């Protein structure tokens, strides 16, 4: 299970996940979480930066689908201008929706990556079915007890990633210090 919670790649923002990077690792399709990955919960619609990022993905032949645990009204509103395949109420880390999205895009596991902000849902969902897992720090994290506990559980896996791949300043979000 530990390997399912250690991301393959980490970046400070979705904007750093470029088409060139995705091509370099053999990824042709992205399954993407919305909340705290692309936008905070309060942001109903994609902004210009998000639209430009998706446009760059499209122009470079990267397919994309939104795979969210949030409900249909939120996902449909966010997707209105994007026009992507979108899957609300995905129940990540369950695999059914991820498999459905890949089938709809006509891509295999080895050419698909999961992009999200949570190890216990996004990373685990992707890795337990053989996808590349790309994790970002949340844009604006919830501070209730449940989320604080989840972030506490994620720390050892972020620490493991930092030791093998190198520390990045944004890892401080998980209270990871350089040299830990």
Protein backbone atom coordinates (compact mmCIF):
# COMPACT_ATOMS: atom_id res chain seq x y z
CA UNK A 1 0.00 0.00 0.00
CA UNK A 2 2.86 2.42 0.74
CA UNK A 3 3.94 2.43 -2.89
CA UNK A 4 0.40 3.39 -3.88
CA UNK A 5 0.68 6.52 -1.73
CA UNK A 6 4.06 7.75 -2.96
CA UNK A 7 3.61 9.93 -6.05
CA UNK A 8 5.65 9.39 -9.17
CA UNK A 9 6.02 13.14 -9.70
CA UNK A 10 5.27 16.28 -7.73
CA UNK A 11 4.99 19.85 -8.91
CA UNK A 12 4.14 23.16 -7.25
CA UNK A 13 1.21 23.87 -9.60
CA UNK A 14 -0.74 22.32 -12.47
CA UNK A 15 0.92 24.95 -14.75
CA UNK A 16 4.25 23.15 -14.27
CA UNK A 17 2.77 19.95 -15.72
CA UNK A 18 3.57 20.88 -19.31
CA UNK A 19 2.83 19.00 -22.52
CA UNK A 20 6.61 18.64 -23.03
CA UNK A 21 6.96 16.96 -19.63
CA UNK A 22 3.99 14.67 -20.27
CA UNK A 23 5.39 13.65 -23.67
CA UNK A 24 8.78 12.97 -22.06
CA UNK A 25 7.21 10.38 -19.73
CA UNK A 26 4.98 8.86 -22.40
CA UNK A 27 1.68 10.31 -21.17
CA UNK A 28 -1.02 10.96 -23.77
CA UNK A 29 -3.94 11.44 -21.38
CA UNK A 30 -4.57 13.08 -18.01
CA UNK A 31 -7.29 12.31 -15.50
CA UNK A 32 -7.57 15.53 -13.51
CA UNK A 33 -9.08 16.40 -10.16
CA UNK A 34 -10.67 19.87 -9.94
CA UNK A 35 -10.86 21.08 -6.36
CA UNK A 36 -7.56 22.34 -4.97
CA UNK A 37 -5.77 20.92 -8.03
CA UNK A 38 -6.97 23.36 -10.69
CA UNK A 39 -8.96 25.80 -8.56
CA UNK A 40 -10.09 26.34 -4.97
CA UNK A 41 -13.51 25.01 -4.01
CA UNK A 42 -14.99 28.52 -4.15
CA UNK A 43 -13.96 29.14 -7.78
CA UNK A 44 -16.95 28.09 -9.87
CA UNK A 45 -15.44 28.58 -13.33
CA UNK A 46 -11.99 28.08 -14.85
CA UNK A 47 -9.94 31.25 -15.14
CA UNK A 48 -7.82 32.33 -18.11
CA UNK A 49 -4.74 30.43 -16.90
CA UNK A 50 -6.68 27.18 -16.64
CA UNK A 51 -8.22 27.70 -20.08
CA UNK A 52 -4.79 28.42 -21.57
CA UNK A 53 -3.29 25.31 -19.91
CA UNK A 54 -6.02 23.06 -21.31
CA UNK A 55 -5.60 24.70 -24.72
CA UNK A 56 -1.87 23.88 -24.62
CA UNK A 57 -2.68 20.27 -23.70
CA UNK A 58 -5.12 19.99 -26.63
CA UNK A 59 -2.71 21.58 -29.12
CA UNK A 60 -0.05 19.08 -28.07
CA UNK A 61 -2.25 16.01 -28.38
CA UNK A 62 -2.79 15.41 -24.65
CA UNK A 63 -6.31 14.18 -23.92
CA UNK A 64 -7.92 15.22 -20.65
CA UNK A 65 -10.89 14.29 -18.49
CA UNK A 66 -12.09 15.74 -15.21
CA UNK A 67 -12.47 13.10 -12.51
CA UNK A 68 -13.85 14.60 -9.33
CA UNK A 69 -15.35 13.36 -6.10
CA UNK A 70 -17.43 16.53 -6.02
CA UNK A 71 -21.07 16.53 -7.13
CA UNK A 72 -22.49 17.07 -10.62
CA UNK A 73 -23.53 20.75 -10.26
CA UNK A 74 -19.97 21.76 -9.31
CA UNK A 75 -18.27 19.64 -11.98
CA UNK A 76 -20.72 20.55 -14.75
CA UNK A 77 -20.40 24.27 -14.02
CA UNK A 78 -16.59 24.12 -13.99
CA UNK A 79 -16.56 22.08 -17.20
CA UNK A 80 -19.04 24.25 -19.10
CA UNK A 81 -16.37 26.28 -20.93
CA UNK A 82 -13.84 23.44 -21.06
CA UNK A 83 -16.07 20.90 -22.76
CA UNK A 84 -14.11 17.90 -21.50
CA UNK A 85 -15.24 14.45 -20.53
CA UNK A 86 -16.23 14.98 -16.93
CA UNK A 87 -17.02 12.50 -14.17
CA UNK A 88 -18.57 13.84 -10.94
CA UNK A 89 -19.08 11.70 -7.85
CA UNK A 90 -16.15 9.53 -8.95
CA UNK A 91 -15.65 7.87 -5.58
CA UNK A 92 -11.87 7.98 -5.87
CA UNK A 93 -9.89 5.95 -4.98
CA UNK A 94 -12.24 3.42 -6.55
CA UNK A 95 -11.15 2.48 -10.04
CA UNK A 96 -14.43 2.29 -12.00
CA UNK A 97 -14.62 5.94 -13.07
CA UNK A 98 -10.94 6.10 -13.98
CA UNK A 99 -11.31 3.03 -16.17
CA UNK A 100 -14.46 4.49 -17.76
CA UNK A 101 -12.67 7.76 -18.56
CA UNK A 102 -9.68 5.97 -20.11
CA UNK A 103 -11.97 3.80 -22.21
CA UNK A 104 -13.86 6.88 -23.43
CA UNK A 105 -10.56 8.55 -24.41
CA UNK A 106 -9.21 5.38 -26.02
CA UNK A 107 -6.02 5.28 -23.97
CA UNK A 108 -4.23 2.59 -21.99
CA UNK A 109 -2.99 2.60 -18.40
CA UNK A 110 0.64 3.06 -19.37
CA UNK A 111 -0.07 6.27 -21.31
CA UNK A 112 -2.35 7.87 -18.69
CA UNK A 113 -1.56 9.91 -15.58
CA UNK A 114 -3.70 10.99 -12.63
CA UNK A 115 -3.24 14.63 -11.54
CA UNK A 116 -4.51 15.69 -8.13
CA UNK A 117 -3.74 17.14 -4.72
CA UNK A 118 -4.48 14.23 -2.36
CA UNK A 119 -2.45 11.09 -1.80
CA UNK A 120 -5.30 9.11 -0.22
CA UNK A 121 -7.65 9.66 -3.16
CA UNK A 122 -5.87 10.88 -6.31
CA UNK A 123 -2.48 9.22 -5.91
CA UNK A 124 -3.89 5.96 -4.62
CA UNK A 125 -6.61 5.90 -7.30
CA UNK A 126 -4.08 6.20 -10.08
CA UNK A 127 -1.28 4.06 -8.74
CA UNK A 128 -3.40 1.08 -7.72
CA UNK A 129 -4.47 0.64 -11.35
CA UNK A 130 -1.03 1.29 -12.83
CA UNK A 131 -1.24 4.97 -13.78
CA UNK A 132 1.45 7.56 -13.26
CA UNK A 133 0.52 9.72 -10.25
CA UNK A 134 1.29 13.44 -10.31
CA UNK A 135 0.55 15.29 -7.09
CA UNK A 136 0.41 19.02 -6.35
CA UNK A 137 0.08 20.86 -3.06
CA UNK A 138 -3.52 21.99 -2.59
CA UNK A 139 -4.28 25.52 -3.75
CA UNK A 140 -6.34 26.33 -0.65
CA UNK A 141 -6.70 23.48 1.77
CA UNK A 142 -9.62 22.94 4.09
CA UNK A 143 -8.65 23.26 7.73
CA UNK A 144 -11.21 21.05 9.42
CA UNK A 145 -10.06 18.14 11.56
CA UNK A 146 -10.70 15.55 8.84
CA UNK A 147 -8.47 17.30 6.29
CA UNK A 148 -5.76 18.09 8.84
CA UNK A 149 -5.66 14.39 9.75
CA UNK A 150 -5.47 13.37 6.07
CA UNK A 151 -2.59 15.79 5.48
CA UNK A 152 -0.82 14.42 8.56
CA UNK A 153 -1.12 10.89 7.12
CA UNK A 154 0.36 12.10 3.82
CA UNK A 155 3.54 13.53 5.37
CA UNK A 156 5.66 10.35 5.48
CA UNK A 157 5.02 9.72 1.79
CA UNK A 158 5.86 13.30 0.82
CA UNK A 159 9.00 12.99 2.97
CA UNK A 160 9.91 9.76 1.12
CA UNK A 161 9.42 11.50 -2.22
CA UNK A 162 11.54 14.47 -1.08
CA UNK A 163 14.39 12.16 -0.04
CA UNK A 164 14.47 10.33 -3.37
CA UNK A 165 13.57 13.13 -5.79
CA UNK A 166 14.74 16.27 -4.04
CA UNK A 167 13.19 18.77 -1.72
CA UNK A 168 11.08 21.60 -3.16
CA UNK A 169 10.09 24.70 -1.16
CA UNK A 170 6.35 24.06 -1.63
CA UNK A 171 6.76 20.80 0.30
CA UNK A 172 6.55 22.99 3.40
CA UNK A 173 2.79 22.73 2.95
CA UNK A 174 3.06 19.22 4.44
CA UNK A 175 5.46 20.57 7.10
CA UNK A 176 8.41 18.90 5.42
CA UNK A 177 11.74 20.62 6.04
CA UNK A 178 14.82 20.55 3.86
CA UNK A 179 17.12 17.70 4.84
CA UNK A 180 14.42 15.67 6.61
